[in-house]
């Protein structure tokens, strides 16, 4: 019988749909950034003596416009480069389950679905603070897998399959809540 350890929020779309969603999100952020830039330029123009005019030469002469253009251009380029290069190349986990003999993770990598399997008998599970409170599943010679502990709806399954690591987590919480002396 399989125990669900992590059910990603993207359990139904395909990997290509996930990539399209990522590009749409970054495009939306760029549009919001440009809208903020336009608002700053408009407010700057409205507060200028003589009111605001859509005069390109006056905008070029304004010393605040050029830095805003440069910063927004760099930010837009960095955002596009980040999504274009890092997003599709990183692992996007969709689901992780524990069976009697293995820990199995499914997800997307470079636009294709993958399945990663760790032998349950050869895997060590430990509590780590790595971008949050996590359980790390590690098998020699394999990529390690991590499962967030906090806000995980499958907390009971985590306690069942990793009692020692979850005891470490409980001890960490107790030490964190201890009053300072």
N, C-alpha and C. Protein backbone atom coordinates (compact mmCIF):
# COMPACT_ATOMS: atom_id res chain seq x y z
N UNK A 1 0.84 -1.19 0.00
CA UNK A 1 0.00 0.00 0.00
C UNK A 1 0.88 1.24 0.00
N UNK A 2 0.53 2.22 -0.82
CA UNK A 2 1.33 3.44 -0.95
C UNK A 2 0.80 4.53 -0.01
N UNK A 3 1.75 5.23 0.62
CA UNK A 3 1.42 6.37 1.46
C UNK A 3 1.80 7.64 0.72
N UNK A 4 0.85 8.56 0.60
CA UNK A 4 1.12 9.82 -0.07
C UNK A 4 1.93 10.71 0.87
N UNK A 5 3.08 11.18 0.41
CA UNK A 5 3.93 12.06 1.21
C UNK A 5 3.80 13.51 0.78
N UNK A 6 3.63 13.73 -0.51
CA UNK A 6 3.52 15.08 -1.03
C UNK A 6 2.70 15.05 -2.31
N UNK A 7 1.68 15.86 -2.35
CA UNK A 7 0.86 16.00 -3.55
C UNK A 7 1.00 17.44 -3.99
N UNK A 8 1.81 17.67 -5.01
CA UNK A 8 2.06 19.03 -5.47
C UNK A 8 0.79 19.69 -5.95
N UNK A 9 0.83 21.01 -6.00
CA UNK A 9 -0.36 21.74 -6.42
C UNK A 9 -0.62 21.59 -7.91
N UNK A 10 0.34 21.02 -8.64
CA UNK A 10 0.20 20.85 -10.08
C UNK A 10 0.05 19.37 -10.43
N UNK A 11 -0.90 18.68 -9.83
CA UNK A 11 -0.98 17.24 -10.05
C UNK A 11 -1.70 16.87 -11.33
N UNK A 12 -2.44 17.76 -11.97
CA UNK A 12 -3.14 17.39 -13.18
C UNK A 12 -2.54 17.91 -14.48
N UNK A 13 -1.98 19.12 -14.57
CA UNK A 13 -1.48 19.56 -15.87
C UNK A 13 -0.26 18.78 -16.35
N UNK A 14 -0.04 18.84 -17.66
CA UNK A 14 1.16 18.21 -18.21
C UNK A 14 2.35 19.13 -17.98
N UNK A 15 3.55 18.62 -18.24
CA UNK A 15 4.76 19.42 -18.03
C UNK A 15 4.78 20.64 -18.95
N UNK A 16 4.31 20.50 -20.18
CA UNK A 16 4.28 21.64 -21.08
C UNK A 16 3.29 22.69 -20.62
N UNK A 17 2.16 22.27 -20.04
CA UNK A 17 1.21 23.23 -19.48
C UNK A 17 1.84 23.98 -18.32
N UNK A 18 2.63 23.28 -17.49
CA UNK A 18 3.30 23.94 -16.38
C UNK A 18 4.29 24.98 -16.87
N UNK A 19 5.00 24.69 -17.95
CA UNK A 19 5.94 25.66 -18.52
C UNK A 19 5.18 26.87 -19.04
N UNK A 20 4.05 26.66 -19.69
CA UNK A 20 3.23 27.77 -20.19
C UNK A 20 2.72 28.63 -19.03
N UNK A 21 2.33 27.99 -17.94
CA UNK A 21 1.87 28.73 -16.76
C UNK A 21 3.00 29.59 -16.20
N UNK A 22 4.21 29.05 -16.15
CA UNK A 22 5.37 29.80 -15.65
C UNK A 22 5.64 31.02 -16.53
N UNK A 23 5.60 30.84 -17.85
CA UNK A 23 5.83 31.97 -18.75
C UNK A 23 4.74 33.02 -18.60
N UNK A 24 3.48 32.61 -18.43
CA UNK A 24 2.38 33.56 -18.24
C UNK A 24 2.57 34.36 -16.96
N UNK A 25 3.01 33.69 -15.89
CA UNK A 25 3.24 34.39 -14.63
C UNK A 25 4.34 35.43 -14.77
N UNK A 26 5.45 35.09 -15.42
CA UNK A 26 6.54 36.05 -15.55
C UNK A 26 6.13 37.18 -16.48
N UNK A 27 5.37 36.90 -17.52
CA UNK A 27 4.88 37.96 -18.41
C UNK A 27 3.98 38.92 -17.63
N UNK A 28 3.14 38.37 -16.75
CA UNK A 28 2.28 39.21 -15.91
C UNK A 28 3.10 40.10 -14.99
N UNK A 29 4.17 39.55 -14.41
CA UNK A 29 5.03 40.36 -13.55
C UNK A 29 5.69 41.50 -14.33
N UNK A 30 6.10 41.23 -15.56
CA UNK A 30 6.72 42.28 -16.38
C UNK A 30 5.69 43.35 -16.70
N UNK A 31 4.45 42.96 -17.02
CA UNK A 31 3.40 43.94 -17.31
C UNK A 31 3.13 44.80 -16.08
N UNK A 32 3.09 44.18 -14.90
CA UNK A 32 2.87 44.94 -13.67
C UNK A 32 4.02 45.91 -13.44
N UNK A 33 5.25 45.46 -13.66
CA UNK A 33 6.41 46.32 -13.48
C UNK A 33 6.36 47.51 -14.43
N UNK A 34 6.01 47.28 -15.69
CA UNK A 34 5.91 48.37 -16.66
C UNK A 34 4.79 49.33 -16.26
N UNK A 35 3.67 48.81 -15.75
CA UNK A 35 2.57 49.67 -15.30
C UNK A 35 3.01 50.55 -14.13
N UNK A 36 3.79 49.99 -13.22
CA UNK A 36 4.31 50.79 -12.10
C UNK A 36 5.25 51.86 -12.64
N UNK A 37 6.09 51.51 -13.61
CA UNK A 37 7.00 52.49 -14.20
C UNK A 37 6.22 53.63 -14.85
N UNK A 38 5.18 53.31 -15.61
CA UNK A 38 4.36 54.34 -16.25
C UNK A 38 3.71 55.22 -15.20
N UNK A 39 3.22 54.62 -14.11
CA UNK A 39 2.60 55.40 -13.04
C UNK A 39 3.62 56.35 -12.41
N UNK A 40 4.85 55.88 -12.18
CA UNK A 40 5.89 56.74 -11.60
C UNK A 40 6.20 57.91 -12.54
N UNK A 41 6.32 57.64 -13.82
CA UNK A 41 6.60 58.70 -14.79
C UNK A 41 5.45 59.70 -14.83
N UNK A 42 4.21 59.20 -14.80
CA UNK A 42 3.04 60.10 -14.84
C UNK A 42 2.98 60.96 -13.58
N UNK A 43 3.19 60.36 -12.41
CA UNK A 43 3.16 61.12 -11.16
C UNK A 43 4.27 62.16 -11.16
N UNK A 44 5.44 61.78 -11.65
CA UNK A 44 6.56 62.71 -11.74
C UNK A 44 6.21 63.88 -12.66
N UNK A 45 5.56 63.59 -13.77
CA UNK A 45 5.17 64.64 -14.72
C UNK A 45 4.07 65.54 -14.18
N UNK A 46 3.11 64.95 -13.45
CA UNK A 46 2.02 65.74 -12.90
C UNK A 46 2.49 66.70 -11.81
N UNK A 47 3.53 66.30 -11.10
CA UNK A 47 4.03 67.16 -10.03
C UNK A 47 5.05 68.18 -10.53
N UNK A 48 5.42 68.08 -11.80
CA UNK A 48 6.39 69.03 -12.36
C UNK A 48 5.73 70.38 -12.58
N UNK A 49 6.53 71.45 -12.54
CA UNK A 49 5.95 72.78 -12.82
C UNK A 49 5.39 72.82 -14.24
N UNK A 50 4.23 73.37 -14.37
CA UNK A 50 3.59 73.47 -15.69
C UNK A 50 2.77 72.24 -16.04
N UNK A 51 2.71 71.25 -15.18
CA UNK A 51 1.90 70.07 -15.43
C UNK A 51 2.59 69.06 -16.32
N UNK A 52 1.89 67.99 -16.65
CA UNK A 52 2.47 66.88 -17.39
C UNK A 52 2.18 67.03 -18.88
N UNK A 53 3.20 66.79 -19.67
CA UNK A 53 3.04 66.77 -21.12
C UNK A 53 3.70 65.50 -21.63
N UNK A 54 3.09 64.84 -22.59
CA UNK A 54 3.71 63.67 -23.21
C UNK A 54 4.68 64.17 -24.27
N UNK A 55 5.71 64.80 -23.80
CA UNK A 55 6.73 65.35 -24.68
C UNK A 55 7.98 64.48 -24.54
N UNK A 56 8.33 63.77 -25.60
CA UNK A 56 9.44 62.83 -25.55
C UNK A 56 10.75 63.54 -25.21
N UNK A 57 10.97 64.73 -25.76
CA UNK A 57 12.20 65.45 -25.46
C UNK A 57 12.26 65.87 -23.99
N UNK A 58 11.10 66.27 -23.44
CA UNK A 58 11.07 66.65 -22.03
C UNK A 58 11.32 65.43 -21.15
N UNK A 59 10.78 64.26 -21.56
CA UNK A 59 10.99 63.04 -20.78
C UNK A 59 12.46 62.63 -20.84
N UNK A 60 13.09 62.78 -22.00
CA UNK A 60 14.50 62.44 -22.11
C UNK A 60 15.36 63.37 -21.25
N UNK A 61 14.93 64.63 -21.16
CA UNK A 61 15.69 65.60 -20.38
C UNK A 61 15.50 65.41 -18.87
N UNK A 62 14.42 64.74 -18.46
CA UNK A 62 14.16 64.53 -17.03
C UNK A 62 15.19 63.54 -16.48
N UNK A 63 15.95 63.92 -15.45
CA UNK A 63 17.01 63.04 -14.95
C UNK A 63 16.49 61.79 -14.23
N UNK A 64 15.21 61.74 -13.87
CA UNK A 64 14.69 60.55 -13.18
C UNK A 64 14.22 59.48 -14.15
N UNK A 65 13.97 59.83 -15.39
CA UNK A 65 13.41 58.87 -16.35
C UNK A 65 14.45 57.84 -16.79
N UNK A 66 15.68 58.29 -17.10
CA UNK A 66 16.69 57.37 -17.62
C UNK A 66 17.03 56.25 -16.63
N UNK A 67 17.27 56.55 -15.32
CA UNK A 67 17.54 55.44 -14.39
C UNK A 67 16.37 54.47 -14.26
N UNK A 68 15.15 55.00 -14.31
CA UNK A 68 13.97 54.12 -14.23
C UNK A 68 13.92 53.21 -15.44
N UNK A 69 14.21 53.75 -16.62
CA UNK A 69 14.22 52.93 -17.84
C UNK A 69 15.30 51.86 -17.77
N UNK A 70 16.49 52.23 -17.31
CA UNK A 70 17.60 51.28 -17.23
C UNK A 70 17.27 50.17 -16.23
N UNK A 71 16.79 50.54 -15.05
CA UNK A 71 16.47 49.54 -14.02
C UNK A 71 15.33 48.63 -14.48
N UNK A 72 14.30 49.20 -15.09
CA UNK A 72 13.19 48.35 -15.55
C UNK A 72 13.63 47.43 -16.68
N UNK A 73 14.52 47.91 -17.55
CA UNK A 73 15.03 47.06 -18.62
C UNK A 73 15.86 45.90 -18.09
N UNK A 74 16.73 46.21 -17.12
CA UNK A 74 17.54 45.15 -16.50
C UNK A 74 16.65 44.15 -15.78
N UNK A 75 15.64 44.65 -15.05
CA UNK A 75 14.74 43.75 -14.32
C UNK A 75 13.94 42.86 -15.27
N UNK A 76 13.45 43.45 -16.36
CA UNK A 76 12.70 42.66 -17.34
C UNK A 76 13.59 41.60 -17.98
N UNK A 77 14.82 41.98 -18.35
CA UNK A 77 15.74 41.02 -18.94
C UNK A 77 16.08 39.91 -17.96
N UNK A 78 16.35 40.27 -16.69
CA UNK A 78 16.68 39.26 -15.67
C UNK A 78 15.51 38.31 -15.45
N UNK A 79 14.28 38.83 -15.42
CA UNK A 79 13.12 37.99 -15.20
C UNK A 79 12.94 37.02 -16.37
N UNK A 80 13.06 37.52 -17.58
CA UNK A 80 12.90 36.65 -18.76
C UNK A 80 14.00 35.60 -18.79
N UNK A 81 15.24 36.01 -18.52
CA UNK A 81 16.35 35.06 -18.52
C UNK A 81 16.19 34.01 -17.44
N UNK A 82 15.74 34.43 -16.28
CA UNK A 82 15.55 33.48 -15.17
C UNK A 82 14.54 32.42 -15.54
N UNK A 83 13.38 32.83 -16.03
CA UNK A 83 12.35 31.85 -16.39
C UNK A 83 12.78 31.02 -17.59
N UNK A 84 13.40 31.67 -18.57
CA UNK A 84 13.79 30.96 -19.78
C UNK A 84 14.88 29.92 -19.52
N UNK A 85 15.81 30.24 -18.64
CA UNK A 85 16.94 29.34 -18.44
C UNK A 85 16.80 28.45 -17.22
N UNK A 86 16.41 29.01 -16.08
CA UNK A 86 16.39 28.25 -14.83
C UNK A 86 15.10 27.45 -14.66
N UNK A 87 13.96 28.07 -14.92
CA UNK A 87 12.68 27.41 -14.69
C UNK A 87 12.53 26.07 -15.37
N UNK A 88 12.67 26.03 -16.70
CA UNK A 88 12.50 24.75 -17.39
C UNK A 88 13.59 23.72 -17.07
N UNK A 89 14.76 24.17 -16.58
CA UNK A 89 15.83 23.24 -16.29
C UNK A 89 15.76 22.68 -14.87
N UNK A 90 14.92 23.25 -14.02
CA UNK A 90 14.85 22.79 -12.64
C UNK A 90 13.79 21.70 -12.50
N UNK A 91 13.92 20.94 -11.42
CA UNK A 91 12.95 19.88 -11.16
C UNK A 91 11.68 20.49 -10.60
N UNK A 92 10.54 20.05 -11.07
CA UNK A 92 9.25 20.47 -10.55
C UNK A 92 8.53 19.21 -10.10
N UNK A 93 8.50 19.01 -8.79
CA UNK A 93 7.90 17.80 -8.25
C UNK A 93 6.38 17.90 -8.33
N UNK A 94 5.76 16.81 -8.75
CA UNK A 94 4.32 16.76 -8.81
C UNK A 94 3.76 15.92 -7.66
N UNK A 95 4.38 14.79 -7.40
CA UNK A 95 3.86 13.89 -6.36
C UNK A 95 4.98 13.03 -5.81
N UNK A 96 4.88 12.68 -4.51
CA UNK A 96 5.83 11.75 -3.91
C UNK A 96 5.05 10.78 -3.03
N UNK A 97 5.33 9.49 -3.22
CA UNK A 97 4.66 8.45 -2.43
C UNK A 97 5.70 7.51 -1.83
N UNK A 98 5.29 6.81 -0.78
CA UNK A 98 6.13 5.78 -0.18
C UNK A 98 5.40 4.45 -0.33
N UNK A 99 6.07 3.48 -0.95
CA UNK A 99 5.53 2.13 -1.05
C UNK A 99 6.26 1.26 -0.04
N UNK A 100 5.95 -0.03 -0.02
CA UNK A 100 6.64 -0.94 0.90
C UNK A 100 8.13 -1.07 0.59
N UNK A 101 8.51 -0.84 -0.68
CA UNK A 101 9.91 -1.05 -1.06
C UNK A 101 10.63 0.20 -1.56
N UNK A 102 9.91 1.32 -1.80
CA UNK A 102 10.58 2.48 -2.41
C UNK A 102 9.87 3.78 -2.05
N UNK A 103 10.63 4.86 -2.25
CA UNK A 103 10.08 6.22 -2.23
C UNK A 103 10.09 6.68 -3.67
N UNK A 104 8.94 7.08 -4.20
CA UNK A 104 8.82 7.40 -5.62
C UNK A 104 8.34 8.84 -5.78
N UNK A 105 9.11 9.59 -6.55
CA UNK A 105 8.76 10.98 -6.84
C UNK A 105 8.51 11.11 -8.33
N UNK A 106 7.43 11.77 -8.70
CA UNK A 106 7.15 12.06 -10.11
C UNK A 106 7.13 13.57 -10.27
N UNK A 107 7.54 14.04 -11.42
CA UNK A 107 7.55 15.47 -11.67
C UNK A 107 7.97 15.79 -13.08
N UNK A 108 8.42 17.03 -13.29
CA UNK A 108 8.84 17.49 -14.61
C UNK A 108 10.28 17.96 -14.55
N UNK A 109 11.02 17.70 -15.63
CA UNK A 109 12.38 18.19 -15.77
C UNK A 109 12.62 18.43 -17.25
N UNK A 110 12.97 19.65 -17.60
CA UNK A 110 13.19 20.08 -18.98
C UNK A 110 11.98 19.72 -19.85
N UNK A 111 10.80 20.01 -19.35
CA UNK A 111 9.58 19.83 -20.13
C UNK A 111 9.11 18.40 -20.28
N UNK A 112 9.75 17.44 -19.62
CA UNK A 112 9.35 16.04 -19.74
C UNK A 112 9.09 15.47 -18.34
N UNK A 113 8.18 14.53 -18.29
CA UNK A 113 7.86 13.89 -17.02
C UNK A 113 8.97 12.93 -16.62
N UNK A 114 9.26 12.87 -15.31
CA UNK A 114 10.28 11.94 -14.82
C UNK A 114 9.74 11.18 -13.61
N UNK A 115 10.36 10.05 -13.32
CA UNK A 115 10.06 9.27 -12.12
C UNK A 115 11.40 8.97 -11.44
N UNK A 116 11.52 9.37 -10.18
CA UNK A 116 12.73 9.13 -9.38
C UNK A 116 12.34 8.15 -8.29
N UNK A 117 13.13 7.09 -8.14
CA UNK A 117 12.81 6.06 -7.16
C UNK A 117 14.03 5.78 -6.28
N UNK A 118 13.80 5.76 -4.96
CA UNK A 118 14.84 5.43 -4.00
C UNK A 118 14.44 4.14 -3.29
N UNK A 119 15.38 3.23 -3.14
CA UNK A 119 15.14 1.98 -2.42
C UNK A 119 14.91 2.30 -0.95
N UNK A 120 13.79 1.85 -0.41
CA UNK A 120 13.43 2.19 0.96
C UNK A 120 14.44 1.65 1.97
N UNK A 121 15.02 0.50 1.72
CA UNK A 121 15.98 -0.10 2.65
C UNK A 121 17.34 0.59 2.62
N UNK A 122 17.67 1.26 1.52
CA UNK A 122 18.97 1.92 1.40
C UNK A 122 18.89 3.43 1.63
N UNK A 123 17.73 3.93 1.94
CA UNK A 123 17.51 5.37 2.08
C UNK A 123 17.54 5.79 3.53
N UNK A 124 18.28 6.87 3.80
CA UNK A 124 18.26 7.47 5.14
C UNK A 124 17.37 8.70 5.08
N UNK A 125 16.61 8.90 6.15
CA UNK A 125 15.70 10.04 6.23
C UNK A 125 16.14 10.89 7.40
N UNK A 126 16.35 12.17 7.16
CA UNK A 126 16.78 13.06 8.24
C UNK A 126 16.01 14.36 8.17
N UNK A 127 15.94 15.04 9.32
CA UNK A 127 15.32 16.35 9.41
C UNK A 127 16.38 17.40 9.09
N UNK A 128 16.09 18.33 8.17
CA UNK A 128 17.02 19.38 7.81
C UNK A 128 16.29 20.71 7.73
N UNK A 129 17.06 21.77 7.94
CA UNK A 129 16.55 23.13 7.72
C UNK A 129 17.17 23.62 6.41
N UNK A 130 16.46 23.42 5.33
CA UNK A 130 16.97 23.77 4.00
C UNK A 130 15.84 24.44 3.24
N UNK A 131 15.78 25.77 3.33
CA UNK A 131 14.67 26.48 2.70
C UNK A 131 13.36 26.23 3.43
N UNK A 132 13.44 25.87 4.68
CA UNK A 132 12.27 25.52 5.48
C UNK A 132 12.55 24.23 6.23
N UNK A 133 11.58 23.77 6.95
CA UNK A 133 11.73 22.52 7.71
C UNK A 133 11.37 21.36 6.79
N UNK A 134 12.35 20.50 6.53
CA UNK A 134 12.20 19.44 5.53
C UNK A 134 12.65 18.09 6.06
N UNK A 135 12.10 17.05 5.43
CA UNK A 135 12.64 15.70 5.57
C UNK A 135 13.46 15.45 4.32
N UNK A 136 14.70 15.00 4.50
CA UNK A 136 15.56 14.71 3.35
C UNK A 136 15.71 13.20 3.22
N UNK A 137 15.37 12.69 2.05
CA UNK A 137 15.48 11.27 1.72
C UNK A 137 16.74 11.12 0.88
N UNK A 138 17.73 10.37 1.40
CA UNK A 138 19.02 10.29 0.74
C UNK A 138 19.45 8.84 0.56
N UNK A 139 19.84 8.51 -0.67
CA UNK A 139 20.38 7.20 -0.98
C UNK A 139 21.69 7.43 -1.72
N UNK A 140 22.71 6.68 -1.35
CA UNK A 140 24.04 6.83 -1.95
C UNK A 140 23.95 6.71 -3.47
N UNK A 141 24.55 7.70 -4.17
CA UNK A 141 24.59 7.67 -5.62
C UNK A 141 23.34 8.19 -6.31
N UNK A 142 22.38 8.67 -5.56
CA UNK A 142 21.13 9.19 -6.13
C UNK A 142 20.94 10.65 -5.74
N UNK A 143 20.11 11.35 -6.47
CA UNK A 143 19.71 12.71 -6.10
C UNK A 143 18.81 12.60 -4.88
N UNK A 144 19.07 13.44 -3.85
CA UNK A 144 18.22 13.34 -2.66
C UNK A 144 16.88 14.01 -2.92
N UNK A 145 15.88 13.58 -2.18
CA UNK A 145 14.53 14.12 -2.28
C UNK A 145 14.18 14.81 -0.97
N UNK A 146 13.46 15.90 -1.03
CA UNK A 146 13.06 16.61 0.17
C UNK A 146 11.56 16.81 0.18
N UNK A 147 10.99 16.72 1.39
CA UNK A 147 9.56 16.92 1.58
C UNK A 147 9.37 17.95 2.69
N UNK A 148 8.64 19.03 2.42
CA UNK A 148 8.39 20.01 3.49
C UNK A 148 7.51 19.39 4.58
N UNK A 149 7.81 19.77 5.82
CA UNK A 149 7.05 19.22 6.95
C UNK A 149 5.89 20.13 7.30
N UNK A 150 6.18 21.42 7.43
CA UNK A 150 5.14 22.37 7.85
C UNK A 150 4.05 22.46 6.79
N UNK A 151 2.83 22.56 7.22
CA UNK A 151 1.65 22.70 6.34
C UNK A 151 1.51 21.54 5.37
N UNK A 152 2.07 20.39 5.69
CA UNK A 152 1.92 19.22 4.83
C UNK A 152 0.68 18.47 5.28
N UNK A 153 -0.32 18.34 4.40
CA UNK A 153 -1.55 17.64 4.80
C UNK A 153 -1.34 16.14 5.06
N UNK A 154 -0.18 15.62 4.67
CA UNK A 154 0.13 14.20 4.87
C UNK A 154 1.08 14.01 6.04
N UNK A 155 0.96 14.85 7.06
CA UNK A 155 1.85 14.83 8.22
C UNK A 155 1.85 13.46 8.90
N UNK A 156 0.69 12.83 9.02
CA UNK A 156 0.60 11.51 9.65
C UNK A 156 1.42 10.47 8.91
N UNK A 157 1.43 10.52 7.60
CA UNK A 157 2.24 9.59 6.81
C UNK A 157 3.73 9.84 7.03
N UNK A 158 4.12 11.12 7.17
CA UNK A 158 5.52 11.43 7.43
C UNK A 158 5.96 10.86 8.78
N UNK A 159 5.11 10.98 9.80
CA UNK A 159 5.43 10.43 11.12
C UNK A 159 5.55 8.92 11.05
N UNK A 160 4.68 8.29 10.27
CA UNK A 160 4.68 6.83 10.16
C UNK A 160 5.94 6.29 9.46
N UNK A 161 6.41 6.97 8.41
CA UNK A 161 7.54 6.42 7.66
C UNK A 161 8.90 6.91 8.17
N UNK A 162 8.91 8.02 8.95
CA UNK A 162 10.18 8.57 9.43
C UNK A 162 10.06 8.99 10.90
N UNK A 163 9.84 8.03 11.80
CA UNK A 163 9.65 8.41 13.20
C UNK A 163 10.86 9.08 13.84
N UNK A 164 12.08 8.66 13.49
CA UNK A 164 13.29 9.24 14.08
C UNK A 164 13.46 10.69 13.62
N UNK A 165 13.33 10.92 12.33
CA UNK A 165 13.48 12.28 11.79
C UNK A 165 12.38 13.19 12.34
N UNK A 166 11.18 12.67 12.49
CA UNK A 166 10.10 13.49 13.02
C UNK A 166 10.32 13.77 14.51
N UNK A 167 11.00 12.87 15.23
CA UNK A 167 11.37 13.14 16.63
C UNK A 167 12.38 14.29 16.68
N UNK A 168 13.32 14.31 15.72
CA UNK A 168 14.28 15.41 15.64
C UNK A 168 13.54 16.73 15.37
N UNK A 169 12.54 16.69 14.53
CA UNK A 169 11.73 17.87 14.24
C UNK A 169 11.00 18.34 15.49
N UNK A 170 10.43 17.40 16.24
CA UNK A 170 9.74 17.75 17.48
C UNK A 170 10.71 18.37 18.48
N UNK A 171 11.92 17.82 18.59
CA UNK A 171 12.94 18.37 19.49
C UNK A 171 13.34 19.78 19.04
N UNK A 172 13.45 19.98 17.74
CA UNK A 172 13.79 21.31 17.22
C UNK A 172 12.70 22.32 17.59
N UNK A 173 11.44 21.91 17.43
CA UNK A 173 10.33 22.82 17.78
C UNK A 173 10.34 23.14 19.28
N UNK A 174 10.65 22.14 20.10
CA UNK A 174 10.69 22.37 21.54
C UNK A 174 11.81 23.34 21.90
N UNK A 175 12.97 23.19 21.27
CA UNK A 175 14.08 24.10 21.56
C UNK A 175 13.82 25.51 21.02
N UNK A 176 13.08 25.59 19.93
CA UNK A 176 12.75 26.89 19.33
C UNK A 176 11.77 27.66 20.20
N UNK A 177 10.87 26.94 20.89
CA UNK A 177 9.85 27.57 21.73
C UNK A 177 10.30 27.78 23.17
N UNK A 178 11.52 27.31 23.50
CA UNK A 178 12.03 27.45 24.86
C UNK A 178 12.34 28.93 25.12
N UNK A 179 11.90 29.48 26.27
CA UNK A 179 12.19 30.88 26.53
C UNK A 179 13.69 31.12 26.75
N UNK A 180 14.17 32.25 26.29
CA UNK A 180 15.59 32.60 26.44
C UNK A 180 15.90 32.90 27.90
N UNK A 181 17.06 32.45 28.41
CA UNK A 181 17.40 32.69 29.81
C UNK A 181 18.42 33.78 29.96
